[in-house]
Amino acid sequence: MENICPHIKAKGKPEYTTLFNHLNDVANVVERIADYLNMDKQIARYGAVLHDIGKASPIFQQRLSPSYKRRDTDKPFRH
């Protein structure tokens, strides 16, 4: 599957994993777990895809940038 929006990251240094790859990997694992537990795989997949969607926020993305300089006054940004 093509990597959609490669500029949107889920993780910073050192791997800079894309959000698309991260959500897809998690969805694949959750689907297997749901199958094992006889649960609805599609619902599990939807939940997995949405679990980190807040990481697409421009504020979160800015904080993953290598040029971002964290300040003591920065408030935590929960995704």
PDB file of N, CA and C in Angstrom:
ATOM      1  N   MET A   1       0.843  -1.177   0.000  1.00  0.00           N
ATOM      2  CA  MET A   1       0.000   0.000   0.000  1.00  0.00           C
ATOM      3  C   MET A   1       0.888   1.241   0.000  1.00  0.00           C
ATOM      4  N   GLU A   2       0.494   2.214  -0.761  1.00  0.00           N
ATOM      5  CA  GLU A   2       1.256   3.445  -0.886  1.00  0.00           C
ATOM      6  C   GLU A   2       1.242   4.234   0.422  1.00  0.00           C
ATOM      7  N   ASN A   3       2.385   4.811   0.748  1.00  0.00           N
ATOM      8  CA  ASN A   3       2.498   5.632   1.947  1.00  0.00           C
ATOM      9  C   ASN A   3       1.824   6.981   1.680  1.00  0.00           C
ATOM     10  N   ILE A   4       0.702   7.204   2.329  1.00  0.00           N
ATOM     11  CA  ILE A   4      -0.067   8.435   2.145  1.00  0.00           C
ATOM     12  C   ILE A   4       0.457   9.499   3.106  1.00  0.00           C
ATOM     13  N   CYS A   5       0.621  10.695   2.612  1.00  0.00           N
ATOM     14  CA  CYS A   5       1.091  11.834   3.418  1.00  0.00           C
ATOM     15  C   CYS A   5       2.397  11.524   4.147  1.00  0.00           C
ATOM     16  N   PRO A   6       3.470  11.237   3.419  1.00  0.00           N
ATOM     17  CA  PRO A   6       4.732  10.877   4.069  1.00  0.00           C
ATOM     18  C   PRO A   6       5.327  11.983   4.941  1.00  0.00           C
ATOM     19  N   HIS A   7       4.841  13.204   4.795  1.00  0.00           N
ATOM     20  CA  HIS A   7       5.348  14.317   5.600  1.00  0.00           C
ATOM     21  C   HIS A   7       4.733  14.359   7.000  1.00  0.00           C
ATOM     22  N   ILE A   8       3.673  13.580   7.227  1.00  0.00           N
ATOM     23  CA  ILE A   8       3.038  13.550   8.554  1.00  0.00           C
ATOM     24  C   ILE A   8       3.634  12.385   9.332  1.00  0.00           C
ATOM     25  N   LYS A   9       4.271  12.704  10.441  1.00  0.00           N
ATOM     26  CA  LYS A   9       4.998  11.702  11.221  1.00  0.00           C
ATOM     27  C   LYS A   9       4.227  11.295  12.474  1.00  0.00           C
ATOM     28  N   ALA A  10       4.488  10.069  12.919  1.00  0.00           N
ATOM     29  CA  ALA A  10       3.914   9.578  14.169  1.00  0.00           C
ATOM     30  C   ALA A  10       4.950   9.609  15.278  1.00  0.00           C
ATOM     31  N   LYS A  11       6.200   9.471  14.886  1.00  0.00           N
ATOM     32  CA  LYS A  11       7.292   9.411  15.856  1.00  0.00           C
ATOM     33  C   LYS A  11       8.449  10.265  15.352  1.00  0.00           C
ATOM     34  N   GLY A  12       9.199  10.777  16.292  1.00  0.00           N
ATOM     35  CA  GLY A  12      10.354  11.605  15.959  1.00  0.00           C
ATOM     36  C   GLY A  12      11.620  10.782  15.844  1.00  0.00           C
ATOM     37  N   LYS A  13      12.706  11.356  16.318  1.00  0.00           N
ATOM     38  CA  LYS A  13      14.011  10.709  16.226  1.00  0.00           C
ATOM     39  C   LYS A  13      13.976   9.342  16.904  1.00  0.00           C
ATOM     40  N   PRO A  14      14.717   8.386  16.471  1.00  0.00           N
ATOM     41  CA  PRO A  14      15.592   8.442  15.298  1.00  0.00           C
ATOM     42  C   PRO A  14      14.915   7.967  14.018  1.00  0.00           C
ATOM     43  N   GLU A  15      13.760   7.313  14.108  1.00  0.00           N
ATOM     44  CA  GLU A  15      13.197   6.675  12.908  1.00  0.00           C
ATOM     45  C   GLU A  15      12.229   7.541  12.104  1.00  0.00           C
ATOM     46  N   TYR A  16      11.631   8.552  12.720  1.00  0.00           N
ATOM     47  CA  TYR A  16      10.669   9.411  12.024  1.00  0.00           C
ATOM     48  C   TYR A  16       9.617   8.589  11.264  1.00  0.00           C
ATOM     49  N   THR A  17       8.993   7.669  11.960  1.00  0.00           N
ATOM     50  CA  THR A  17       7.951   6.816  11.376  1.00  0.00           C
ATOM     51  C   THR A  17       6.786   7.674  10.911  1.00  0.00           C
ATOM     52  N   THR A  18       6.279   7.387   9.717  1.00  0.00           N
ATOM     53  CA  THR A  18       5.129   8.156   9.238  1.00  0.00           C
ATOM     54  C   THR A  18       3.873   7.731   9.998  1.00  0.00           C
ATOM     55  N   LEU A  19       2.943   8.648  10.102  1.00  0.00           N
ATOM     56  CA  LEU A  19       1.681   8.348  10.768  1.00  0.00           C
ATOM     57  C   LEU A  19       0.942   7.246  10.010  1.00  0.00           C
ATOM     58  N   PHE A  20       0.974   7.308   8.696  1.00  0.00           N
ATOM     59  CA  PHE A  20       0.311   6.287   7.885  1.00  0.00           C
ATOM     60  C   PHE A  20       0.859   4.894   8.201  1.00  0.00           C
ATOM     61  N   ASN A  21       2.181   4.747   8.190  1.00  0.00           N
ATOM     62  CA  ASN A  21       2.777   3.435   8.469  1.00  0.00           C
ATOM     63  C   ASN A  21       2.469   2.960   9.883  1.00  0.00           C
ATOM     64  N   HIS A  22       2.555   3.869  10.838  1.00  0.00           N
ATOM     65  CA  HIS A  22       2.272   3.507  12.227  1.00  0.00           C
ATOM     66  C   HIS A  22       0.835   3.020  12.388  1.00  0.00           C
ATOM     67  N   LEU A  23      -0.116   3.788  11.863  1.00  0.00           N
ATOM     68  CA  LEU A  23      -1.523   3.399  11.999  1.00  0.00           C
ATOM     69  C   LEU A  23      -1.816   2.101  11.259  1.00  0.00           C
ATOM     70  N   ASN A  24      -1.212   1.910  10.108  1.00  0.00           N
ATOM     71  CA  ASN A  24      -1.403   0.683   9.350  1.00  0.00           C
ATOM     72  C   ASN A  24      -0.823  -0.523  10.097  1.00  0.00           C
ATOM     73  N   ASP A  25       0.367  -0.378  10.674  1.00  0.00           N
ATOM     74  CA  ASP A  25       0.987  -1.473  11.440  1.00  0.00           C
ATOM     75  C   ASP A  25       0.135  -1.847  12.652  1.00  0.00           C
ATOM     76  N   VAL A  26      -0.323  -0.835  13.382  1.00  0.00           N
ATOM     77  CA  VAL A  26      -1.158  -1.087  14.554  1.00  0.00           C
ATOM     78  C   VAL A  26      -2.472  -1.760  14.142  1.00  0.00           C
ATOM     79  N   ALA A  27      -3.066  -1.286  13.057  1.00  0.00           N
ATOM     80  CA  ALA A  27      -4.326  -1.863  12.577  1.00  0.00           C
ATOM     81  C   ALA A  27      -4.152  -3.338  12.209  1.00  0.00           C
ATOM     82  N   ASN A  28      -3.038  -3.680  11.583  1.00  0.00           N
ATOM     83  CA  ASN A  28      -2.786  -5.078  11.218  1.00  0.00           C
ATOM     84  C   ASN A  28      -2.658  -5.969  12.449  1.00  0.00           C
ATOM     85  N   VAL A  29      -1.965  -5.493  13.462  1.00  0.00           N
ATOM     86  CA  VAL A  29      -1.807  -6.271  14.692  1.00  0.00           C
ATOM     87  C   VAL A  29      -3.142  -6.419  15.416  1.00  0.00           C
ATOM     88  N   VAL A  30      -3.877  -5.320  15.537  1.00  0.00           N
ATOM     89  CA  VAL A  30      -5.159  -5.340  16.241  1.00  0.00           C
ATOM     90  C   VAL A  30      -6.159  -6.257  15.531  1.00  0.00           C
ATOM     91  N   GLU A  31      -6.099  -6.278  14.219  1.00  0.00           N
ATOM     92  CA  GLU A  31      -6.987  -7.152  13.461  1.00  0.00           C
ATOM     93  C   GLU A  31      -6.711  -8.629  13.789  1.00  0.00           C
ATOM     94  N   ARG A  32      -5.456  -8.980  13.920  1.00  0.00           N
ATOM     95  CA  ARG A  32      -5.096 -10.367  14.285  1.00  0.00           C
ATOM     96  C   ARG A  32      -5.550 -10.707  15.699  1.00  0.00           C
ATOM     97  N   ILE A  33      -5.385  -9.755  16.601  1.00  0.00           N
ATOM     98  CA  ILE A  33      -5.820  -9.975  17.990  1.00  0.00           C
ATOM     99  C   ILE A  33      -7.331 -10.142  18.031  1.00  0.00           C
ATOM    100  N   ALA A  34      -8.055  -9.295  17.323  1.00  0.00           N
ATOM    101  CA  ALA A  34      -9.519  -9.393  17.288  1.00  0.00           C
ATOM    102  C   ALA A  34      -9.956 -10.730  16.710  1.00  0.00           C
ATOM    103  N   ASP A  35      -9.287 -11.189  15.690  1.00  0.00           N
ATOM    104  CA  ASP A  35      -9.604 -12.485  15.092  1.00  0.00           C
ATOM    105  C   ASP A  35      -9.399 -13.604  16.114  1.00  0.00           C
ATOM    106  N   TYR A  36      -8.287 -13.545  16.826  1.00  0.00           N
ATOM    107  CA  TYR A  36      -7.978 -14.542  17.847  1.00  0.00           C
ATOM    108  C   TYR A  36      -9.031 -14.559  18.957  1.00  0.00           C
ATOM    109  N   LEU A  37      -9.536 -13.381  19.296  1.00  0.00           N
ATOM    110  CA  LEU A  37     -10.515 -13.249  20.375  1.00  0.00           C
ATOM    111  C   LEU A  37     -11.966 -13.339  19.878  1.00  0.00           C
ATOM    112  N   ASN A  38     -12.135 -13.676  18.618  1.00  0.00           N
ATOM    113  CA  ASN A  38     -13.466 -13.761  17.998  1.00  0.00           C
ATOM    114  C   ASN A  38     -14.249 -12.450  18.124  1.00  0.00           C
ATOM    115  N   MET A  39     -13.558 -11.353  17.911  1.00  0.00           N
ATOM    116  CA  MET A  39     -14.188 -10.041  17.939  1.00  0.00           C
ATOM    117  C   MET A  39     -14.274  -9.514  16.514  1.00  0.00           C
ATOM    118  N   ASP A  40     -15.016  -8.458  16.325  1.00  0.00           N
ATOM    119  CA  ASP A  40     -15.194  -7.866  15.009  1.00  0.00           C
ATOM    120  C   ASP A  40     -13.882  -7.220  14.553  1.00  0.00           C
ATOM    121  N   LYS A  41     -13.268  -7.784  13.534  1.00  0.00           N
ATOM    122  CA  LYS A  41     -11.975  -7.296  13.058  1.00  0.00           C
ATOM    123  C   LYS A  41     -12.075  -5.901  12.443  1.00  0.00           C
ATOM    124  N   GLN A  42     -13.173  -5.613  11.776  1.00  0.00           N
ATOM    125  CA  GLN A  42     -13.316  -4.310  11.131  1.00  0.00           C
ATOM    126  C   GLN A  42     -13.436  -3.190  12.158  1.00  0.00           C
ATOM    127  N   ILE A  43     -14.204  -3.423  13.212  1.00  0.00           N
ATOM    128  CA  ILE A  43     -14.328  -2.410  14.270  1.00  0.00           C
ATOM    129  C   ILE A  43     -12.984  -2.210  14.966  1.00  0.00           C
ATOM    130  N   ALA A  44     -12.275  -3.309  15.214  1.00  0.00           N
ATOM    131  CA  ALA A  44     -10.950  -3.207  15.831  1.00  0.00           C
ATOM    132  C   ALA A  44     -10.014  -2.397  14.938  1.00  0.00           C
ATOM    133  N   ARG A  45     -10.083  -2.642  13.645  1.00  0.00           N
ATOM    134  CA  ARG A  45      -9.230  -1.913  12.697  1.00  0.00           C
ATOM    135  C   ARG A  45      -9.564  -0.420  12.705  1.00  0.00           C
ATOM    136  N   TYR A  46     -10.860  -0.079  12.715  1.00  0.00           N
ATOM    137  CA  TYR A  46     -11.251   1.332  12.767  1.00  0.00           C
ATOM    138  C   TYR A  46     -10.677   2.002  14.024  1.00  0.00           C
ATOM    139  N   GLY A  47     -10.790   1.327  15.148  1.00  0.00           N
ATOM    140  CA  GLY A  47     -10.255   1.889  16.393  1.00  0.00           C
ATOM    141  C   GLY A  47      -8.754   2.090  16.323  1.00  0.00           C
ATOM    142  N   ALA A  48      -8.057   1.133  15.726  1.00  0.00           N
ATOM    143  CA  ALA A  48      -6.606   1.227  15.602  1.00  0.00           C
ATOM    144  C   ALA A  48      -6.214   2.400  14.709  1.00  0.00           C
ATOM    145  N   VAL A  49      -6.941   2.576  13.628  1.00  0.00           N
ATOM    146  CA  VAL A  49      -6.630   3.661  12.699  1.00  0.00           C
ATOM    147  C   VAL A  49      -6.862   5.022  13.360  1.00  0.00           C
ATOM    148  N   LEU A  50      -7.831   5.105  14.246  1.00  0.00           N
ATOM    149  CA  LEU A  50      -8.149   6.384  14.885  1.00  0.00           C
ATOM    150  C   LEU A  50      -7.361   6.658  16.164  1.00  0.00           C
ATOM    151  N   HIS A  51      -6.671   5.659  16.701  1.00  0.00           N
ATOM    152  CA  HIS A  51      -6.090   5.805  18.038  1.00  0.00           C
ATOM    153  C   HIS A  51      -5.053   6.919  18.154  1.00  0.00           C
ATOM    154  N   ASP A  52      -4.359   7.271  17.109  1.00  0.00           N
ATOM    155  CA  ASP A  52      -3.337   8.319  17.153  1.00  0.00           C
ATOM    156  C   ASP A  52      -3.605   9.432  16.147  1.00  0.00           C
ATOM    157  N   ILE A  53      -4.828   9.587  15.731  1.00  0.00           N
ATOM    158  CA  ILE A  53      -5.134  10.548  14.674  1.00  0.00           C
ATOM    159  C   ILE A  53      -4.786  11.978  15.085  1.00  0.00           C
ATOM    160  N   GLY A  54      -4.755  12.252  16.373  1.00  0.00           N
ATOM    161  CA  GLY A  54      -4.380  13.580  16.857  1.00  0.00           C
ATOM    162  C   GLY A  54      -2.951  13.957  16.524  1.00  0.00           C
ATOM    163  N   LYS A  55      -2.130  12.963  16.172  1.00  0.00           N
ATOM    164  CA  LYS A  55      -0.746  13.261  15.796  1.00  0.00           C
ATOM    165  C   LYS A  55      -0.658  14.010  14.470  1.00  0.00           C
ATOM    166  N   ALA A  56      -1.740  14.073  13.743  1.00  0.00           N
ATOM    167  CA  ALA A  56      -1.756  14.838  12.488  1.00  0.00           C
ATOM    168  C   ALA A  56      -1.832  16.340  12.751  1.00  0.00           C
ATOM    169  N   SER A  57      -2.086  16.727  13.991  1.00  0.00           N
ATOM    170  CA  SER A  57      -2.170  18.141  14.351  1.00  0.00           C
ATOM    171  C   SER A  57      -0.876  18.877  13.975  1.00  0.00           C
ATOM    172  N   PRO A  58      -1.004  20.075  13.406  1.00  0.00           N
ATOM    173  CA  PRO A  58       0.200  20.854  13.070  1.00  0.00           C
ATOM    174  C   PRO A  58       1.085  21.131  14.289  1.00  0.00           C
ATOM    175  N   ILE A  59       0.487  21.298  15.455  1.00  0.00           N
ATOM    176  CA  ILE A  59       1.276  21.550  16.671  1.00  0.00           C
ATOM    177  C   ILE A  59       2.121  20.330  17.014  1.00  0.00           C
ATOM    178  N   PHE A  60       1.520  19.152  16.962  1.00  0.00           N
ATOM    179  CA  PHE A  60       2.266  17.925  17.251  1.00  0.00           C
ATOM    180  C   PHE A  60       3.369  17.721  16.215  1.00  0.00           C
ATOM    181  N   GLN A  61       3.048  17.936  14.951  1.00  0.00           N
ATOM    182  CA  GLN A  61       4.037  17.762  13.885  1.00  0.00           C
ATOM    183  C   GLN A  61       5.219  18.717  14.059  1.00  0.00           C
ATOM    184  N   GLN A  62       4.936  19.945  14.447  1.00  0.00           N
ATOM    185  CA  GLN A  62       6.001  20.931  14.667  1.00  0.00           C
ATOM    186  C   GLN A  62       6.956  20.442  15.755  1.00  0.00           C
ATOM    187  N   ARG A  63       6.414  19.829  16.784  1.00  0.00           N
ATOM    188  CA  ARG A  63       7.248  19.364  17.895  1.00  0.00           C
ATOM    189  C   ARG A  63       8.102  18.154  17.526  1.00  0.00           C
ATOM    190  N   LEU A  64       7.754  17.464  16.449  1.00  0.00           N
ATOM    191  CA  LEU A  64       8.579  16.350  15.981  1.00  0.00           C
ATOM    192  C   LEU A  64       9.716  16.810  15.069  1.00  0.00           C
ATOM    193  N   SER A  65       9.645  18.039  14.613  1.00  0.00           N
ATOM    194  CA  SER A  65      10.640  18.558  13.688  1.00  0.00           C
ATOM    195  C   SER A  65      12.017  18.608  14.347  1.00  0.00           C
ATOM    196  N   PRO A  66      13.067  18.224  13.600  1.00  0.00           N
ATOM    197  CA  PRO A  66      14.424  18.293  14.163  1.00  0.00           C
ATOM    198  C   PRO A  66      14.826  19.710  14.556  1.00  0.00           C
ATOM    199  N   SER A  67      14.215  20.714  13.939  1.00  0.00           N
ATOM    200  CA  SER A  67      14.575  22.105  14.242  1.00  0.00           C
ATOM    201  C   SER A  67      13.808  22.671  15.435  1.00  0.00           C
ATOM    202  N   TYR A  68      12.871  21.896  15.977  1.00  0.00           N
ATOM    203  CA  TYR A  68      12.069  22.392  17.100  1.00  0.00           C
ATOM    204  C   TYR A  68      12.925  22.481  18.356  1.00  0.00           C
ATOM    205  N   LYS A  69      12.897  23.637  18.983  1.00  0.00           N
ATOM    206  CA  LYS A  69      13.639  23.864  20.230  1.00  0.00           C
ATOM    207  C   LYS A  69      12.659  23.904  21.390  1.00  0.00           C
ATOM    208  N   ARG A  70      12.693  22.879  22.197  1.00  0.00           N
ATOM    209  CA  ARG A  70      11.792  22.800  23.348  1.00  0.00           C
ATOM    210  C   ARG A  70      12.196  23.851  24.388  1.00  0.00           C
ATOM    211  N   ARG A  71      11.176  24.514  24.934  1.00  0.00           N
ATOM    212  CA  ARG A  71      11.413  25.524  25.967  1.00  0.00           C
ATOM    213  C   ARG A  71      10.824  25.037  27.291  1.00  0.00           C
ATOM    214  N   ASP A  72      11.354  25.534  28.366  1.00  0.00           N
ATOM    215  CA  ASP A  72      10.833  25.172  29.689  1.00  0.00           C
ATOM    216  C   ASP A  72       9.383  25.579  29.867  1.00  0.00           C
ATOM    217  N   THR A  73       8.959  26.588  29.126  1.00  0.00           N
ATOM    218  CA  THR A  73       7.587  27.078  29.256  1.00  0.00           C
ATOM    219  C   THR A  73       6.586  26.300  28.408  1.00  0.00           C
ATOM    220  N   ASP A  74       7.079  25.364  27.572  1.00  0.00           N
ATOM    221  CA  ASP A  74       6.179  24.566  26.734  1.00  0.00           C
ATOM    222  C   ASP A  74       5.263  23.705  27.589  1.00  0.00           C
ATOM    223  N   LYS A  75       4.010  23.745  27.248  1.00  0.00           N
ATOM    224  CA  LYS A  75       3.049  22.878  27.914  1.00  0.00           C
ATOM    225  C   LYS A  75       3.021  21.551  27.148  1.00  0.00           C
ATOM    226  N   PRO A  76       2.782  20.457  27.835  1.00  0.00           N
ATOM    227  CA  PRO A  76       2.672  19.170  27.113  1.00  0.00           C
ATOM    228  C   PRO A  76       1.544  19.236  26.096  1.00  0.00           C
ATOM    229  N   PHE A  77       1.773  18.617  24.965  1.00  0.00           N
ATOM    230  CA  PHE A  77       0.729  18.558  23.934  1.00  0.00           C
ATOM    231  C   PHE A  77       0.321  17.116  23.759  1.00  0.00           C
ATOM    232  N   ARG A  78      -0.841  16.777  24.261  1.00  0.00           N
ATOM    233  CA  ARG A  78      -1.325  15.409  24.147  1.00  0.00           C
ATOM    234  C   ARG A  78      -2.008  15.248  22.801  1.00  0.00           C
ATOM    235  N   HIS A  79      -1.696  14.188  22.157  1.00  0.00           N
ATOM    236  CA  HIS A  79      -2.289  13.914  20.846  1.00  0.00           C
ATOM    237  C   HIS A  79      -3.549  13.133  21.020  1.00  0.00           C
TER     238      HIS A  79
END
